[in-house]
């Protein structure tokens, strides 16, 4: 009978840290999206509005891979008031040949957090200026923490600014990250002052109204938006898309319906059929990325199923090599 591997969050944290290998795993996933035959259906989402909750289901199959992941990812954004994390979830890895269950990854959203942060690092690696040293992170949750950690893997970050609606949370995160990363990290009360003078700006919130004005953007800046993974979410002023010299999507099909691009189209600032490069196309050399240090670039990351298949496959590979997890016959 087939053997099924079960891995807990604790085990996954040990074998799949946020490191350069994780960044390369997600980079390869984007490359595959641009160069290989990929089946990636639209995101299935369930809204639980009375509790500020949502549940996303994502998946993707890459031709040639032995397995594919199906991820269930809840986000309940009032949970911190209850002393609970805002994100949760699990992944299942299925055989591409038989559809049988290969692994059950009880990660509580950990792998999603890692692959999302790694995607931010990939975006910065290909779109931000190579000398980018100052980062502004908008938000103070787990993704804010991980996005800054990921940036330090690919760019020489020496200073960071943190802004969040909850000022005390921003202060606490700034203190933690300053000690952890050994760089200057400060909390800002005004998001515009955090953005102005920064080389890289990353938005990590579930905001439903813009928190970054197009007027704040400066020559040479790179912006990565990771929060707008649903139609109602919106972190960037829609006019920022038309103002940017280069807009890049993780999946143009997705960003036209639920990313920052979606809001620019709805505002009549961008044509609904306008063509933009995807991050994987830039990685693969099919499209041109940043052309000069003076360009303003934006990466619109809505989260793709291929990232989940990639990180889940890496987790199973690492688990088998390390003898981690529990195995049983179905």
Protein backbone atom coordinates (compact mmCIF):
# COMPACT_ATOMS: atom_id res chain seq x y z
CA UNK A 1 0.00 0.00 0.00
CA UNK A 2 1.19 3.59 -0.60
CA UNK A 3 3.03 5.28 2.27
CA UNK A 4 1.80 8.69 3.40
CA UNK A 5 4.10 11.19 5.12
CA UNK A 6 2.68 13.48 7.82
CA UNK A 7 4.66 16.57 8.83
CA UNK A 8 3.82 19.02 11.60
CA UNK A 9 4.52 22.75 11.67
CA UNK A 10 7.41 22.20 14.09
CA UNK A 11 9.05 19.71 11.74
CA UNK A 12 8.46 21.91 8.70
CA UNK A 13 9.97 24.93 10.41
CA UNK A 14 13.12 22.90 10.98
CA UNK A 15 13.52 21.47 7.47
CA UNK A 16 12.18 24.40 5.37
CA UNK A 17 13.57 27.66 6.79
CA UNK A 18 13.32 30.97 4.97
CA UNK A 19 16.71 30.89 3.29
CA UNK A 20 18.27 31.23 -0.17
CA UNK A 21 17.22 27.67 -1.03
CA UNK A 22 13.58 28.61 -0.40
CA UNK A 23 14.02 31.73 -2.55
CA UNK A 24 15.54 29.65 -5.34
CA UNK A 25 12.68 27.13 -5.06
CA UNK A 26 10.09 29.87 -5.60
CA UNK A 27 12.19 31.49 -8.32
CA UNK A 28 12.22 28.16 -10.16
CA UNK A 29 8.43 27.95 -9.77
CA UNK A 30 7.98 31.33 -11.46
CA UNK A 31 10.40 30.25 -14.21
CA UNK A 32 8.36 27.08 -14.76
CA UNK A 33 5.17 29.10 -15.02
CA UNK A 34 6.71 30.96 -17.96
CA UNK A 35 8.44 28.04 -19.66
CA UNK A 36 6.55 24.80 -18.95
CA UNK A 37 3.07 23.36 -19.35
CA UNK A 38 1.25 24.30 -16.13
CA UNK A 39 -2.33 23.62 -15.09
CA UNK A 40 -3.27 26.29 -12.55
CA UNK A 41 -7.00 26.89 -12.06
CA UNK A 42 -8.42 30.13 -10.66
CA UNK A 43 -8.33 30.54 -6.88
CA UNK A 44 -11.36 29.21 -5.02
CA UNK A 45 -12.27 31.59 -2.20
CA UNK A 46 -14.87 31.46 0.55
CA UNK A 47 -15.63 34.68 2.46
CA UNK A 48 -16.77 34.65 6.10
CA UNK A 49 -17.50 38.35 6.39
CA UNK A 50 -18.99 38.40 9.89
CA UNK A 51 -15.60 37.35 11.31
CA UNK A 52 -13.36 39.13 8.74
CA UNK A 53 -12.46 35.71 7.46
CA UNK A 54 -11.65 34.15 4.12
CA UNK A 55 -10.48 30.75 2.92
CA UNK A 56 -8.47 30.34 -0.28
CA UNK A 57 -7.84 27.06 -2.08
CA UNK A 58 -4.92 27.01 -4.52
CA UNK A 59 -3.29 24.32 -6.62
CA UNK A 60 -1.13 23.81 -9.69
CA UNK A 61 0.30 20.91 -11.66
CA UNK A 62 3.58 21.30 -13.52
CA UNK A 63 4.10 18.76 -16.29
CA UNK A 64 6.95 16.46 -15.33
CA UNK A 65 6.71 16.84 -11.56
CA UNK A 66 5.91 13.72 -9.53
CA UNK A 67 3.41 15.51 -7.30
CA UNK A 68 1.19 18.55 -6.96
CA UNK A 69 -0.14 20.40 -3.94
CA UNK A 70 -3.62 21.47 -2.95
CA UNK A 71 -3.56 24.16 -0.27
CA UNK A 72 -6.32 25.30 2.05
CA UNK A 73 -5.44 28.71 3.46
CA UNK A 74 -7.74 30.52 5.93
CA UNK A 75 -7.14 34.14 6.88
CA UNK A 76 -9.20 35.48 9.80
CA UNK A 77 -7.95 38.99 10.43
CA UNK A 78 -9.57 39.61 13.82
CA UNK A 79 -7.80 36.57 15.30
CA UNK A 80 -4.97 38.62 16.89
CA UNK A 81 -7.60 40.18 19.17
CA UNK A 82 -8.24 36.65 20.42
CA UNK A 83 -4.57 35.86 20.83
CA UNK A 84 -4.60 33.70 17.69
CA UNK A 85 -2.64 33.97 14.42
CA UNK A 86 -4.50 35.57 11.51
CA UNK A 87 -3.43 32.85 9.07
CA UNK A 88 -3.65 29.08 9.26
CA UNK A 89 -4.09 26.14 6.95
CA UNK A 90 -2.53 23.00 5.52
CA UNK A 91 -1.29 21.48 2.28
CA UNK A 92 -1.76 18.05 0.78
CA UNK A 93 0.67 16.67 -1.80
CA UNK A 94 -0.79 14.23 -4.31
CA UNK A 95 0.85 11.95 -6.86
CA UNK A 96 0.70 13.31 -10.40
CA UNK A 97 0.50 9.74 -11.77
CA UNK A 98 -2.18 8.25 -9.53
CA UNK A 99 -3.73 11.09 -7.54
CA UNK A 100 -2.97 9.20 -4.33
CA UNK A 101 -2.01 11.15 -1.23
CA UNK A 102 1.77 11.44 -0.77
CA UNK A 103 2.01 13.83 2.14
CA UNK A 104 -0.11 15.79 4.59
CA UNK A 105 1.63 19.01 5.63
CA UNK A 106 0.06 20.36 8.82
CA UNK A 107 1.91 23.65 8.57
CA UNK A 108 -0.68 26.07 10.01
CA UNK A 109 0.15 28.44 7.15
CA UNK A 110 3.92 28.34 7.73
CA UNK A 111 4.81 27.16 4.22
CA UNK A 112 2.54 29.81 2.71
CA UNK A 113 4.33 32.44 4.76
CA UNK A 114 7.73 31.17 3.59
CA UNK A 115 6.83 30.98 -0.09
CA UNK A 116 5.17 34.44 0.01
CA UNK A 117 8.23 36.01 1.59
CA UNK A 118 10.47 34.16 -0.85
CA UNK A 119 8.39 35.54 -3.73
CA UNK A 120 9.00 39.04 -2.37
CA UNK A 121 12.73 38.33 -2.40
CA UNK A 122 12.55 37.06 -5.99
CA UNK A 123 10.69 40.23 -7.04
CA UNK A 124 13.35 42.42 -5.39
CA UNK A 125 16.16 40.36 -6.90
CA UNK A 126 14.89 40.95 -10.44
CA UNK A 127 13.25 44.37 -10.14
CA UNK A 128 14.90 46.42 -7.37
CA UNK A 129 18.14 48.31 -7.86
CA UNK A 130 21.15 46.19 -6.93
CA UNK A 131 22.31 48.82 -4.40
CA UNK A 132 18.94 49.01 -2.61
CA UNK A 133 19.76 49.56 1.07
CA UNK A 134 16.64 51.10 2.67
CA UNK A 135 13.39 49.16 2.94
CA UNK A 136 9.95 50.34 4.03
CA UNK A 137 7.60 47.61 5.25
CA UNK A 138 3.94 48.54 5.63
CA UNK A 139 2.25 46.21 8.07
CA UNK A 140 3.48 44.60 11.27
CA UNK A 141 2.27 41.01 11.06
CA UNK A 142 4.15 37.81 10.32
CA UNK A 143 4.49 38.63 6.62
CA UNK A 144 6.00 42.03 7.42
CA UNK A 145 8.66 40.29 9.51
CA UNK A 146 9.38 37.64 6.87
CA UNK A 147 9.43 40.05 3.93
CA UNK A 148 12.21 42.06 5.55
CA UNK A 149 14.13 38.92 6.43
CA UNK A 150 13.80 37.74 2.83
CA UNK A 151 14.96 41.08 1.41
CA UNK A 152 18.19 40.84 3.38
CA UNK A 153 18.97 37.60 1.51
CA UNK A 154 19.03 39.31 -1.90
CA UNK A 155 19.81 42.99 -1.32
CA UNK A 156 22.28 44.87 0.97
CA UNK A 157 19.60 46.21 3.33
CA UNK A 158 21.13 48.33 6.10
CA UNK A 159 18.05 50.25 7.26
CA UNK A 160 14.34 49.48 7.51
CA UNK A 161 11.21 51.46 8.36
CA UNK A 162 8.06 49.83 9.73
CA UNK A 163 4.60 51.36 9.60
CA UNK A 164 1.32 49.84 10.75
CA UNK A 165 -2.06 51.12 11.87
CA UNK A 166 -1.24 49.58 15.25
CA UNK A 167 1.68 51.79 16.34
CA UNK A 168 2.63 49.64 19.33
CA UNK A 169 2.80 46.56 17.13
CA UNK A 170 5.05 48.41 14.69
CA UNK A 171 7.32 49.50 17.54
CA UNK A 172 7.57 45.95 18.87
CA UNK A 173 8.35 44.50 15.45
CA UNK A 174 10.98 47.16 14.77
CA UNK A 175 12.71 46.31 18.03
CA UNK A 176 12.65 42.59 17.32
CA UNK A 177 13.95 42.91 13.77
CA UNK A 178 16.69 45.34 14.73
CA UNK A 179 18.11 42.78 17.16
CA UNK A 180 17.51 39.80 14.90
CA UNK A 181 18.96 41.24 11.69
CA UNK A 182 21.57 43.55 13.19
CA UNK A 183 20.43 46.57 11.18
CA UNK A 184 18.72 49.86 12.03
CA UNK A 185 14.94 49.30 12.11
CA UNK A 186 12.57 52.05 13.24
CA UNK A 187 8.81 52.41 13.50
CA UNK A 188 7.21 55.33 11.64
CA UNK A 189 3.91 56.95 12.56
CA UNK A 190 3.33 58.31 9.04
CA UNK A 191 3.40 55.88 6.08
CA UNK A 192 4.41 58.62 3.64
CA UNK A 193 7.56 59.35 5.65
CA UNK A 194 8.38 55.64 5.70
CA UNK A 195 8.03 55.40 1.92
CA UNK A 196 9.86 58.59 0.95
CA UNK A 197 13.59 57.90 0.70
CA UNK A 198 13.19 54.12 0.69
CA UNK A 199 14.66 52.00 -2.09
CA UNK A 200 12.20 49.13 -1.68
CA UNK A 201 8.63 49.37 -0.38
CA UNK A 202 6.70 46.23 0.58
CA UNK A 203 3.02 46.28 1.51
CA UNK A 204 1.84 43.33 3.62
CA UNK A 205 -1.65 44.24 4.84
CA UNK A 206 -5.25 43.09 4.24
CA UNK A 207 -6.23 46.72 3.51
CA UNK A 208 -9.34 47.38 1.44
CA UNK A 209 -8.31 50.99 0.75
CA UNK A 210 -4.96 52.24 -0.57
CA UNK A 211 -2.24 52.80 2.02
CA UNK A 212 0.37 53.98 -0.52
CA UNK A 213 -0.25 57.11 -2.61
CA UNK A 214 1.16 57.33 -6.12
CA UNK A 215 2.42 60.82 -5.24
CA UNK A 216 4.83 59.34 -2.69
CA UNK A 217 6.71 57.19 -5.20
CA UNK A 218 10.18 58.35 -6.17
CA UNK A 219 12.63 57.77 -8.98
CA UNK A 220 14.34 54.39 -8.70
CA UNK A 221 11.99 52.86 -6.14
CA UNK A 222 10.69 49.33 -6.27
CA UNK A 223 7.32 48.43 -4.73
CA UNK A 224 6.13 44.90 -3.97
CA UNK A 225 2.47 44.52 -3.01
CA UNK A 226 1.63 41.17 -1.40
CA UNK A 227 -1.64 41.86 0.40
CA UNK A 228 -4.18 42.14 -2.44
CA UNK A 229 -5.08 38.49 -2.90
CA UNK A 230 -8.86 39.11 -3.07
CA UNK A 231 -11.05 41.41 -5.14
CA UNK A 232 -11.85 43.76 -2.27
CA UNK A 233 -8.25 44.20 -1.09
CA UNK A 234 -6.30 47.24 -2.26
CA UNK A 235 -2.97 48.55 -0.92
CA UNK A 236 -1.74 50.80 -3.73
CA UNK A 237 -3.31 53.94 -5.14
CA UNK A 238 -4.58 52.69 -8.54
CA UNK A 239 -2.80 55.56 -10.30
CA UNK A 240 0.50 54.11 -9.05
CA UNK A 241 0.16 51.37 -11.68
CA UNK A 242 -0.05 53.87 -14.55
CA UNK A 243 2.69 56.01 -13.01
CA UNK A 244 5.19 53.15 -12.73
CA UNK A 245 7.72 52.65 -15.50
CA UNK A 246 7.38 48.88 -15.14
CA UNK A 247 4.49 46.88 -13.70
CA UNK A 248 5.01 43.13 -13.25
CA UNK A 249 2.44 40.51 -12.23
CA UNK A 250 2.98 37.10 -10.69
CA UNK A 251 0.06 35.92 -12.85
CA UNK A 252 -1.53 38.48 -15.16
CA UNK A 253 -4.74 36.43 -15.23
CA UNK A 254 -4.97 36.75 -11.45
CA UNK A 255 -3.93 40.38 -11.09
CA UNK A 256 -6.55 41.45 -13.64
CA UNK A 257 -9.25 40.06 -11.36
CA UNK A 258 -7.98 40.40 -7.79
CA UNK A 259 -4.64 42.21 -7.62
CA UNK A 260 -3.63 45.87 -7.62
CA UNK A 261 -3.99 45.87 -11.41
CA UNK A 262 -7.65 44.96 -10.93
CA UNK A 263 -8.27 48.29 -9.18
CA UNK A 264 -6.40 50.31 -11.81
CA UNK A 265 -8.56 48.67 -14.50
CA UNK A 266 -11.74 49.34 -12.50
CA UNK A 267 -10.71 53.00 -12.14
CA UNK A 268 -10.31 53.31 -15.92
CA UNK A 269 -6.59 54.05 -15.60
CA UNK A 270 -5.44 50.91 -17.40
CA UNK A 271 -7.12 49.06 -20.28
CA UNK A 272 -8.56 45.68 -19.31
CA UNK A 273 -6.58 43.99 -22.06
CA UNK A 274 -3.33 45.88 -21.48
CA UNK A 275 -0.29 43.63 -21.73
CA UNK A 276 2.24 43.42 -18.89
CA UNK A 277 5.12 41.04 -18.17
CA UNK A 278 4.93 38.31 -15.56
CA UNK A 279 7.76 37.78 -13.08
CA UNK A 280 8.50 34.33 -14.51
CA UNK A 281 8.90 35.78 -18.00
CA UNK A 282 11.51 38.23 -16.70
CA UNK A 283 13.34 35.47 -14.83
CA UNK A 284 13.34 33.33 -18.00
CA UNK A 285 14.58 36.24 -20.13
CA UNK A 286 11.40 36.32 -22.22
CA UNK A 287 10.52 39.85 -21.14
CA UNK A 288 12.62 42.83 -20.07
CA UNK A 289 12.85 43.83 -16.42
CA UNK A 290 14.34 46.98 -14.91
CA UNK A 291 16.17 48.94 -17.60
CA UNK A 292 17.76 51.67 -15.46
CA UNK A 293 18.27 52.77 -11.87
CA UNK A 294 15.81 55.61 -12.38
CA UNK A 295 12.75 53.49 -13.13
CA UNK A 296 9.86 53.01 -10.70
CA UNK A 297 8.93 49.32 -10.67
CA UNK A 298 5.94 47.53 -9.13
CA UNK A 299 5.48 43.81 -8.49
CA UNK A 300 1.89 42.71 -7.91
CA UNK A 301 2.03 39.39 -6.02
CA UNK A 302 -1.34 37.73 -5.51
CA UNK A 303 0.05 34.29 -4.68
CA UNK A 304 -0.01 31.40 -7.14
CA UNK A 305 -0.72 27.72 -6.81
CA UNK A 306 2.58 26.87 -8.46
CA UNK A 307 4.40 28.42 -5.49
CA UNK A 308 2.50 26.06 -3.19
CA UNK A 309 3.32 22.99 -5.27
CA UNK A 310 6.98 24.06 -5.32
CA UNK A 311 7.34 24.63 -1.57
CA UNK A 312 5.34 21.49 -0.70
CA UNK A 313 7.54 19.40 -3.02
CA UNK A 314 10.64 20.88 -1.39
CA UNK A 315 9.24 20.03 2.05
CA UNK A 316 8.65 16.38 1.12
CA UNK A 317 12.08 16.09 -0.49
CA UNK A 318 13.75 17.54 2.63
CA UNK A 319 11.65 15.34 4.95
CA UNK A 320 12.61 12.16 3.11
CA UNK A 321 16.30 13.14 3.13
CA UNK A 322 16.21 13.92 6.87
CA UNK A 323 13.93 11.07 7.90
CA UNK A 324 11.54 13.63 9.35
CA UNK A 325 7.82 13.23 9.94
CA UNK A 326 5.62 10.24 10.54
CA UNK A 327 4.79 7.65 7.89
CA UNK A 328 1.90 5.23 7.65
CA UNK A 329 0.30 3.00 5.06
CA UNK A 330 -3.15 3.99 3.88
